[in-house]
Amino acid sequence: MDLPGIVIELHVPDFEPVKQFYGWLGFTVSHYEPPPRGFMVLRSTRESLNFYGGSQEVAHQSYFRRFPATTPRGYGVEIIYSHLQDP
């Protein structure tokens, strides 16, 4: 089984701008569940980005149900990917 090199989960209010932006970067939709659950997976060659919609359903996700449903999600995130080769 070829596992992705990077898996990131992000929470977004709308999937359409996400599909457009990451499509420009070579990602394609490999899984989509419309709201109310709202879950989408975008893949490139080895990377996988998982997006949850901005609904309250995320409070039931296995990780987040440990916190109050009013806990803000997705704030203050910076993701940097650098593939540097040795000189």
PDB file of N, CA and C in Angstrom:
ATOM      1  N   MET A   1       0.840  -1.168   0.000  1.00  0.00           N
ATOM      2  CA  MET A   1       0.000   0.000   0.000  1.00  0.00           C
ATOM      3  C   MET A   1       0.893   1.241   0.000  1.00  0.00           C
ATOM      4  N   ASP A   2       0.600   2.174  -0.898  1.00  0.00           N
ATOM      5  CA  ASP A   2       1.364   3.410  -0.996  1.00  0.00           C
ATOM      6  C   ASP A   2       0.664   4.484  -0.176  1.00  0.00           C
ATOM      7  N   LEU A   3       1.190   4.773   1.008  1.00  0.00           N
ATOM      8  CA  LEU A   3       0.601   5.786   1.868  1.00  0.00           C
ATOM      9  C   LEU A   3       1.100   7.158   1.465  1.00  0.00           C
ATOM     10  N   PRO A   4       0.258   8.176   1.614  1.00  0.00           N
ATOM     11  CA  PRO A   4       0.684   9.521   1.265  1.00  0.00           C
ATOM     12  C   PRO A   4       1.805   9.992   2.176  1.00  0.00           C
ATOM     13  N   GLY A   5       2.664  10.864   1.632  1.00  0.00           N
ATOM     14  CA  GLY A   5       3.763  11.398   2.415  1.00  0.00           C
ATOM     15  C   GLY A   5       3.295  12.402   3.448  1.00  0.00           C
ATOM     16  N   ILE A   6       2.248  13.153   3.150  1.00  0.00           N
ATOM     17  CA  ILE A   6       1.709  14.159   4.051  1.00  0.00           C
ATOM     18  C   ILE A   6       0.193  14.030   4.053  1.00  0.00           C
ATOM     19  N   VAL A   7      -0.392  14.037   5.225  1.00  0.00           N
ATOM     20  CA  VAL A   7      -1.852  14.086   5.351  1.00  0.00           C
ATOM     21  C   VAL A   7      -2.176  15.230   6.296  1.00  0.00           C
ATOM     22  N   ILE A   8      -2.980  16.159   5.830  1.00  0.00           N
ATOM     23  CA  ILE A   8      -3.350  17.334   6.614  1.00  0.00           C
ATOM     24  C   ILE A   8      -4.865  17.439   6.608  1.00  0.00           C
ATOM     25  N   GLU A   9      -5.455  17.758   7.755  1.00  0.00           N
ATOM     26  CA  GLU A   9      -6.890  17.990   7.855  1.00  0.00           C
ATOM     27  C   GLU A   9      -7.124  19.460   8.172  1.00  0.00           C
ATOM     28  N   LEU A  10      -7.955  20.104   7.366  1.00  0.00           N
ATOM     29  CA  LEU A  10      -8.265  21.521   7.533  1.00  0.00           C
ATOM     30  C   LEU A  10      -9.776  21.707   7.547  1.00  0.00           C
ATOM     31  N   HIS A  11     -10.228  22.743   8.218  1.00  0.00           N
ATOM     32  CA  HIS A  11     -11.645  23.065   8.301  1.00  0.00           C
ATOM     33  C   HIS A  11     -11.896  24.350   7.524  1.00  0.00           C
ATOM     34  N   VAL A  12     -12.830  24.282   6.588  1.00  0.00           N
ATOM     35  CA  VAL A  12     -13.110  25.420   5.707  1.00  0.00           C
ATOM     36  C   VAL A  12     -14.614  25.651   5.620  1.00  0.00           C
ATOM     37  N   PRO A  13     -15.034  26.896   5.404  1.00  0.00           N
ATOM     38  CA  PRO A  13     -16.465  27.166   5.319  1.00  0.00           C
ATOM     39  C   PRO A  13     -17.085  26.797   3.975  1.00  0.00           C
ATOM     40  N   ASP A  14     -16.274  26.670   2.912  1.00  0.00           N
ATOM     41  CA  ASP A  14     -16.808  26.422   1.570  1.00  0.00           C
ATOM     42  C   ASP A  14     -15.783  25.623   0.765  1.00  0.00           C
ATOM     43  N   PHE A  15     -16.212  24.517   0.167  1.00  0.00           N
ATOM     44  CA  PHE A  15     -15.302  23.652  -0.583  1.00  0.00           C
ATOM     45  C   PHE A  15     -14.928  24.199  -1.968  1.00  0.00           C
ATOM     46  N   GLU A  16     -15.783  24.987  -2.593  1.00  0.00           N
ATOM     47  CA  GLU A  16     -15.549  25.407  -3.977  1.00  0.00           C
ATOM     48  C   GLU A  16     -14.258  26.208  -4.155  1.00  0.00           C
ATOM     49  N   PRO A  17     -13.994  27.245  -3.345  1.00  0.00           N
ATOM     50  CA  PRO A  17     -12.719  27.958  -3.508  1.00  0.00           C
ATOM     51  C   PRO A  17     -11.514  27.057  -3.236  1.00  0.00           C
ATOM     52  N   VAL A  18     -11.679  26.102  -2.333  1.00  0.00           N
ATOM     53  CA  VAL A  18     -10.597  25.163  -2.011  1.00  0.00           C
ATOM     54  C   VAL A  18     -10.275  24.302  -3.233  1.00  0.00           C
ATOM     55  N   LYS A  19     -11.319  23.757  -3.877  1.00  0.00           N
ATOM     56  CA  LYS A  19     -11.102  22.936  -5.079  1.00  0.00           C
ATOM     57  C   LYS A  19     -10.403  23.736  -6.166  1.00  0.00           C
ATOM     58  N   GLN A  20     -10.819  24.987  -6.346  1.00  0.00           N
ATOM     59  CA  GLN A  20     -10.212  25.815  -7.391  1.00  0.00           C
ATOM     60  C   GLN A  20      -8.744  26.109  -7.079  1.00  0.00           C
ATOM     61  N   PHE A  21      -8.466  26.569  -5.863  1.00  0.00           N
ATOM     62  CA  PHE A  21      -7.099  26.925  -5.511  1.00  0.00           C
ATOM     63  C   PHE A  21      -6.164  25.724  -5.595  1.00  0.00           C
ATOM     64  N   TYR A  22      -6.520  24.619  -4.956  1.00  0.00           N
ATOM     65  CA  TYR A  22      -5.638  23.459  -4.950  1.00  0.00           C
ATOM     66  C   TYR A  22      -5.609  22.751  -6.302  1.00  0.00           C
ATOM     67  N   GLY A  23      -6.640  22.940  -7.119  1.00  0.00           N
ATOM     68  CA  GLY A  23      -6.620  22.432  -8.487  1.00  0.00           C
ATOM     69  C   GLY A  23      -5.507  23.083  -9.292  1.00  0.00           C
ATOM     70  N   TRP A  24      -5.283  24.376  -9.071  1.00  0.00           N
ATOM     71  CA  TRP A  24      -4.179  25.089  -9.731  1.00  0.00           C
ATOM     72  C   TRP A  24      -2.835  24.496  -9.328  1.00  0.00           C
ATOM     73  N   LEU A  25      -2.772  23.901  -8.144  1.00  0.00           N
ATOM     74  CA  LEU A  25      -1.531  23.308  -7.648  1.00  0.00           C
ATOM     75  C   LEU A  25      -1.395  21.829  -7.998  1.00  0.00           C
ATOM     76  N   GLY A  26      -2.333  21.314  -8.793  1.00  0.00           N
ATOM     77  CA  GLY A  26      -2.239  19.931  -9.256  1.00  0.00           C
ATOM     78  C   GLY A  26      -3.004  18.909  -8.428  1.00  0.00           C
ATOM     79  N   PHE A  27      -3.824  19.353  -7.468  1.00  0.00           N
ATOM     80  CA  PHE A  27      -4.619  18.429  -6.665  1.00  0.00           C
ATOM     81  C   PHE A  27      -5.942  18.140  -7.357  1.00  0.00           C
ATOM     82  N   THR A  28      -6.435  16.915  -7.168  1.00  0.00           N
ATOM     83  CA  THR A  28      -7.747  16.529  -7.685  1.00  0.00           C
ATOM     84  C   THR A  28      -8.578  15.956  -6.547  1.00  0.00           C
ATOM     85  N   VAL A  29      -9.890  16.016  -6.695  1.00  0.00           N
ATOM     86  CA  VAL A  29     -10.803  15.488  -5.677  1.00  0.00           C
ATOM     87  C   VAL A  29     -10.792  13.971  -5.770  1.00  0.00           C
ATOM     88  N   SER A  30     -10.444  13.309  -4.669  1.00  0.00           N
ATOM     89  CA  SER A  30     -10.474  11.843  -4.661  1.00  0.00           C
ATOM     90  C   SER A  30     -11.625  11.307  -3.818  1.00  0.00           C
ATOM     91  N   HIS A  31     -12.212  12.142  -2.978  1.00  0.00           N
ATOM     92  CA  HIS A  31     -13.376  11.738  -2.183  1.00  0.00           C
ATOM     93  C   HIS A  31     -14.155  12.991  -1.824  1.00  0.00           C
ATOM     94  N   TYR A  32     -15.478  12.885  -1.897  1.00  0.00           N
ATOM     95  CA  TYR A  32     -16.315  14.037  -1.568  1.00  0.00           C
ATOM     96  C   TYR A  32     -17.603  13.558  -0.924  1.00  0.00           C
ATOM     97  N   GLU A  33     -17.918  14.113   0.222  1.00  0.00           N
ATOM     98  CA  GLU A  33     -19.203  13.895   0.879  1.00  0.00           C
ATOM     99  C   GLU A  33     -19.813  15.268   1.103  1.00  0.00           C
ATOM    100  N   PRO A  34     -20.959  15.528   0.494  1.00  0.00           N
ATOM    101  CA  PRO A  34     -21.554  16.860   0.619  1.00  0.00           C
ATOM    102  C   PRO A  34     -22.041  17.129   2.044  1.00  0.00           C
ATOM    103  N   PRO A  35     -22.288  18.401   2.352  1.00  0.00           N
ATOM    104  CA  PRO A  35     -22.873  18.720   3.660  1.00  0.00           C
ATOM    105  C   PRO A  35     -24.203  17.977   3.815  1.00  0.00           C
ATOM    106  N   PRO A  36     -24.620  17.638   5.028  1.00  0.00           N
ATOM    107  CA  PRO A  36     -24.178  18.251   6.264  1.00  0.00           C
ATOM    108  C   PRO A  36     -22.861  17.686   6.810  1.00  0.00           C
ATOM    109  N   ARG A  37     -22.476  16.470   6.466  1.00  0.00           N
ATOM    110  CA  ARG A  37     -21.203  15.972   7.004  1.00  0.00           C
ATOM    111  C   ARG A  37     -20.058  16.790   6.443  1.00  0.00           C
ATOM    112  N   GLY A  38     -20.052  16.994   5.138  1.00  0.00           N
ATOM    113  CA  GLY A  38     -19.072  17.858   4.502  1.00  0.00           C
ATOM    114  C   GLY A  38     -17.635  17.427   4.686  1.00  0.00           C
ATOM    115  N   PHE A  39     -17.184  16.533   3.821  1.00  0.00           N
ATOM    116  CA  PHE A  39     -15.813  16.034   3.895  1.00  0.00           C
ATOM    117  C   PHE A  39     -15.284  15.895   2.480  1.00  0.00           C
ATOM    118  N   MET A  40     -14.054  16.349   2.241  1.00  0.00           N
ATOM    119  CA  MET A  40     -13.471  16.272   0.910  1.00  0.00           C
ATOM    120  C   MET A  40     -11.992  15.934   1.041  1.00  0.00           C
ATOM    121  N   VAL A  41     -11.513  15.057   0.164  1.00  0.00           N
ATOM    122  CA  VAL A  41     -10.096  14.704   0.122  1.00  0.00           C
ATOM    123  C   VAL A  41      -9.552  15.115  -1.233  1.00  0.00           C
ATOM    124  N   LEU A  42      -8.456  15.872  -1.225  1.00  0.00           N
ATOM    125  CA  LEU A  42      -7.749  16.251  -2.443  1.00  0.00           C
ATOM    126  C   LEU A  42      -6.400  15.547  -2.424  1.00  0.00           C
ATOM    127  N   ARG A  43      -6.000  15.038  -3.590  1.00  0.00           N
ATOM    128  CA  ARG A  43      -4.719  14.328  -3.665  1.00  0.00           C
ATOM    129  C   ARG A  43      -3.896  14.855  -4.813  1.00  0.00           C
ATOM    130  N   SER A  44      -2.597  14.844  -4.591  1.00  0.00           N
ATOM    131  CA  SER A  44      -1.654  15.056  -5.683  1.00  0.00           C
ATOM    132  C   SER A  44      -0.884  13.752  -5.799  1.00  0.00           C
ATOM    133  N   THR A  45       0.311  13.783  -6.281  1.00  0.00           N
ATOM    134  CA  THR A  45       1.065  12.547  -6.485  1.00  0.00           C
ATOM    135  C   THR A  45       1.198  11.743  -5.196  1.00  0.00           C
ATOM    136  N   ARG A  46       1.649  12.409  -4.110  1.00  0.00           N
ATOM    137  CA  ARG A  46       1.816  11.697  -2.837  1.00  0.00           C
ATOM    138  C   ARG A  46       1.136  12.377  -1.659  1.00  0.00           C
ATOM    139  N   GLU A  47       0.743  13.620  -1.808  1.00  0.00           N
ATOM    140  CA  GLU A  47       0.153  14.355  -0.706  1.00  0.00           C
ATOM    141  C   GLU A  47      -1.357  14.203  -0.703  1.00  0.00           C
ATOM    142  N   SER A  48      -1.914  14.250   0.490  1.00  0.00           N
ATOM    143  CA  SER A  48      -3.354  14.175   0.670  1.00  0.00           C
ATOM    144  C   SER A  48      -3.774  15.292   1.613  1.00  0.00           C
ATOM    145  N   LEU A  49      -4.771  16.068   1.188  1.00  0.00           N
ATOM    146  CA  LEU A  49      -5.326  17.134   2.019  1.00  0.00           C
ATOM    147  C   LEU A  49      -6.778  16.797   2.291  1.00  0.00           C
ATOM    148  N   ASN A  50      -7.142  16.755   3.559  1.00  0.00           N
ATOM    149  CA  ASN A  50      -8.508  16.440   3.957  1.00  0.00           C
ATOM    150  C   ASN A  50      -9.173  17.706   4.473  1.00  0.00           C
ATOM    151  N   PHE A  51     -10.369  17.979   3.991  1.00  0.00           N
ATOM    152  CA  PHE A  51     -11.091  19.181   4.377  1.00  0.00           C
ATOM    153  C   PHE A  51     -12.433  18.810   4.966  1.00  0.00           C
ATOM    154  N   TYR A  52     -12.742  19.430   6.088  1.00  0.00           N
ATOM    155  CA  TYR A  52     -14.053  19.309   6.700  1.00  0.00           C
ATOM    156  C   TYR A  52     -14.792  20.603   6.451  1.00  0.00           C
ATOM    157  N   GLY A  53     -16.091  20.507   6.193  1.00  0.00           N
ATOM    158  CA  GLY A  53     -16.907  21.691   5.981  1.00  0.00           C
ATOM    159  C   GLY A  53     -17.121  22.442   7.277  1.00  0.00           C
ATOM    160  N   GLY A  54     -17.639  23.637   7.170  1.00  0.00           N
ATOM    161  CA  GLY A  54     -17.804  24.494   8.331  1.00  0.00           C
ATOM    162  C   GLY A  54     -19.066  24.228   9.132  1.00  0.00           C
ATOM    163  N   SER A  55     -19.559  22.992   9.148  1.00  0.00           N
ATOM    164  CA  SER A  55     -20.782  22.699   9.887  1.00  0.00           C
ATOM    165  C   SER A  55     -20.471  22.267  11.316  1.00  0.00           C
ATOM    166  N   GLN A  56     -21.498  22.181  12.125  1.00  0.00           N
ATOM    167  CA  GLN A  56     -21.342  21.725  13.503  1.00  0.00           C
ATOM    168  C   GLN A  56     -21.088  20.218  13.587  1.00  0.00           C
ATOM    169  N   GLU A  57     -21.212  19.502  12.470  1.00  0.00           N
ATOM    170  CA  GLU A  57     -20.956  18.057  12.461  1.00  0.00           C
ATOM    171  C   GLU A  57     -19.527  17.718  12.875  1.00  0.00           C
ATOM    172  N   VAL A  58     -18.604  18.645  12.679  1.00  0.00           N
ATOM    173  CA  VAL A  58     -17.213  18.383  13.028  1.00  0.00           C
ATOM    174  C   VAL A  58     -17.064  18.123  14.528  1.00  0.00           C
ATOM    175  N   ALA A  59     -17.977  18.628  15.336  1.00  0.00           N
ATOM    176  CA  ALA A  59     -17.912  18.404  16.782  1.00  0.00           C
ATOM    177  C   ALA A  59     -18.057  16.926  17.125  1.00  0.00           C
ATOM    178  N   HIS A  60     -18.563  16.117  16.188  1.00  0.00           N
ATOM    179  CA  HIS A  60     -18.735  14.682  16.415  1.00  0.00           C
ATOM    180  C   HIS A  60     -17.553  13.858  15.917  1.00  0.00           C
ATOM    181  N   GLN A  61     -16.594  14.497  15.272  1.00  0.00           N
ATOM    182  CA  GLN A  61     -15.415  13.792  14.779  1.00  0.00           C
ATOM    183  C   GLN A  61     -14.622  13.272  15.973  1.00  0.00           C
ATOM    184  N   SER A  62     -13.971  12.118  15.816  1.00  0.00           N
ATOM    185  CA  SER A  62     -13.339  11.427  16.946  1.00  0.00           C
ATOM    186  C   SER A  62     -12.373  12.305  17.745  1.00  0.00           C
ATOM    187  N   TYR A  63     -11.614  13.151  17.102  1.00  0.00           N
ATOM    188  CA  TYR A  63     -10.680  14.014  17.834  1.00  0.00           C
ATOM    189  C   TYR A  63     -11.408  15.160  18.515  1.00  0.00           C
ATOM    190  N   PHE A  64     -12.277  15.853  17.769  1.00  0.00           N
ATOM    191  CA  PHE A  64     -12.881  17.075  18.272  1.00  0.00           C
ATOM    192  C   PHE A  64     -13.988  16.854  19.287  1.00  0.00           C
ATOM    193  N   ARG A  65     -14.554  15.676  19.362  1.00  0.00           N
ATOM    194  CA  ARG A  65     -15.619  15.488  20.344  1.00  0.00           C
ATOM    195  C   ARG A  65     -15.085  15.516  21.785  1.00  0.00           C
ATOM    196  N   ARG A  66     -13.777  15.549  21.945  1.00  0.00           N
ATOM    197  CA  ARG A  66     -13.185  15.697  23.280  1.00  0.00           C
ATOM    198  C   ARG A  66     -13.280  17.132  23.791  1.00  0.00           C
ATOM    199  N   PHE A  67     -13.621  18.076  22.915  1.00  0.00           N
ATOM    200  CA  PHE A  67     -13.677  19.489  23.257  1.00  0.00           C
ATOM    201  C   PHE A  67     -15.116  19.987  23.163  1.00  0.00           C
ATOM    202  N   PRO A  68     -15.435  21.091  23.849  1.00  0.00           N
ATOM    203  CA  PRO A  68     -16.780  21.668  23.698  1.00  0.00           C
ATOM    204  C   PRO A  68     -17.059  22.008  22.233  1.00  0.00           C
ATOM    205  N   ALA A  69     -18.303  21.854  21.821  1.00  0.00           N
ATOM    206  CA  ALA A  69     -18.685  22.115  20.427  1.00  0.00           C
ATOM    207  C   ALA A  69     -18.424  23.554  20.014  1.00  0.00           C
ATOM    208  N   THR A  70     -18.289  24.461  20.961  1.00  0.00           N
ATOM    209  CA  THR A  70     -18.049  25.875  20.649  1.00  0.00           C
ATOM    210  C   THR A  70     -16.575  26.202  20.460  1.00  0.00           C
ATOM    211  N   THR A  71     -15.688  25.223  20.597  1.00  0.00           N
ATOM    212  CA  THR A  71     -14.259  25.451  20.434  1.00  0.00           C
ATOM    213  C   THR A  71     -13.953  25.848  18.999  1.00  0.00           C
ATOM    214  N   PRO A  72     -13.298  27.021  18.764  1.00  0.00           N
ATOM    215  CA  PRO A  72     -12.949  27.415  17.386  1.00  0.00           C
ATOM    216  C   PRO A  72     -11.968  26.420  16.772  1.00  0.00           C
ATOM    217  N   ARG A  73     -12.131  26.151  15.500  1.00  0.00           N
ATOM    218  CA  ARG A  73     -11.258  25.223  14.788  1.00  0.00           C
ATOM    219  C   ARG A  73     -10.680  25.907  13.558  1.00  0.00           C
ATOM    220  N   GLY A  74      -9.418  25.615  13.283  1.00  0.00           N
ATOM    221  CA  GLY A  74      -8.820  26.087  12.049  1.00  0.00           C
ATOM    222  C   GLY A  74      -8.200  27.464  12.085  1.00  0.00           C
ATOM    223  N   TYR A  75      -8.069  28.055  13.248  1.00  0.00           N
ATOM    224  CA  TYR A  75      -7.465  29.381  13.327  1.00  0.00           C
ATOM    225  C   TYR A  75      -5.962  29.275  13.515  1.00  0.00           C
ATOM    226  N   GLY A  76      -5.230  30.219  12.961  1.00  0.00           N
ATOM    227  CA  GLY A  76      -3.795  30.319  13.195  1.00  0.00           C
ATOM    228  C   GLY A  76      -2.984  29.175  12.624  1.00  0.00           C
ATOM    229  N   VAL A  77      -3.334  28.729  11.431  1.00  0.00           N
ATOM    230  CA  VAL A  77      -2.628  27.598  10.826  1.00  0.00           C
ATOM    231  C   VAL A  77      -1.700  28.097   9.732  1.00  0.00           C
ATOM    232  N   GLU A  78      -0.467  27.652   9.766  1.00  0.00           N
ATOM    233  CA  GLU A  78       0.474  27.905   8.683  1.00  0.00           C
ATOM    234  C   GLU A  78       1.085  26.567   8.314  1.00  0.00           C
ATOM    235  N   ILE A  79       1.031  26.223   7.041  1.00  0.00           N
ATOM    236  CA  ILE A  79       1.569  24.952   6.569  1.00  0.00           C
ATOM    237  C   ILE A  79       2.624  25.261   5.525  1.00  0.00           C
ATOM    238  N   ILE A  80       3.806  24.760   5.746  1.00  0.00           N
ATOM    239  CA  ILE A  80       4.912  24.976   4.816  1.00  0.00           C
ATOM    240  C   ILE A  80       5.447  23.624   4.397  1.00  0.00           C
ATOM    241  N   TYR A  81       5.574  23.420   3.104  1.00  0.00           N
ATOM    242  CA  TYR A  81       6.141  22.186   2.591  1.00  0.00           C
ATOM    243  C   TYR A  81       7.365  22.553   1.768  1.00  0.00           C
ATOM    244  N   SER A  82       8.469  22.038   2.141  1.00  0.00           N
ATOM    245  CA  SER A  82       9.694  22.315   1.416  1.00  0.00           C
ATOM    246  C   SER A  82      10.401  21.005   1.126  1.00  0.00           C
ATOM    247  N   HIS A  83      10.661  20.757  -0.121  1.00  0.00           N
ATOM    248  CA  HIS A  83      11.359  19.540  -0.515  1.00  0.00           C
ATOM    249  C   HIS A  83      12.737  19.965  -1.017  1.00  0.00           C
ATOM    250  N   LEU A  84      13.644  20.044  -0.085  1.00  0.00           N
ATOM    251  CA  LEU A  84      14.993  20.466  -0.452  1.00  0.00           C
ATOM    252  C   LEU A  84      15.870  19.263  -0.699  1.00  0.00           C
ATOM    253  N   GLN A  85      16.677  19.344  -1.715  1.00  0.00           N
ATOM    254  CA  GLN A  85      17.613  18.267  -2.016  1.00  0.00           C
ATOM    255  C   GLN A  85      18.994  18.678  -1.526  1.00  0.00           C
ATOM    256  N   ASP A  86      19.775  17.717  -1.087  1.00  0.00           N
ATOM    257  CA  ASP A  86      21.137  18.012  -0.667  1.00  0.00           C
ATOM    258  C   ASP A  86      21.940  18.515  -1.855  1.00  0.00           C
ATOM    259  N   PRO A  87      22.793  19.542  -1.616  1.00  0.00           N
ATOM    260  CA  PRO A  87      23.587  20.100  -2.730  1.00  0.00           C
ATOM    261  C   PRO A  87      24.590  19.104  -3.258  1.00  0.00           C
TER     262      PRO A  87
END
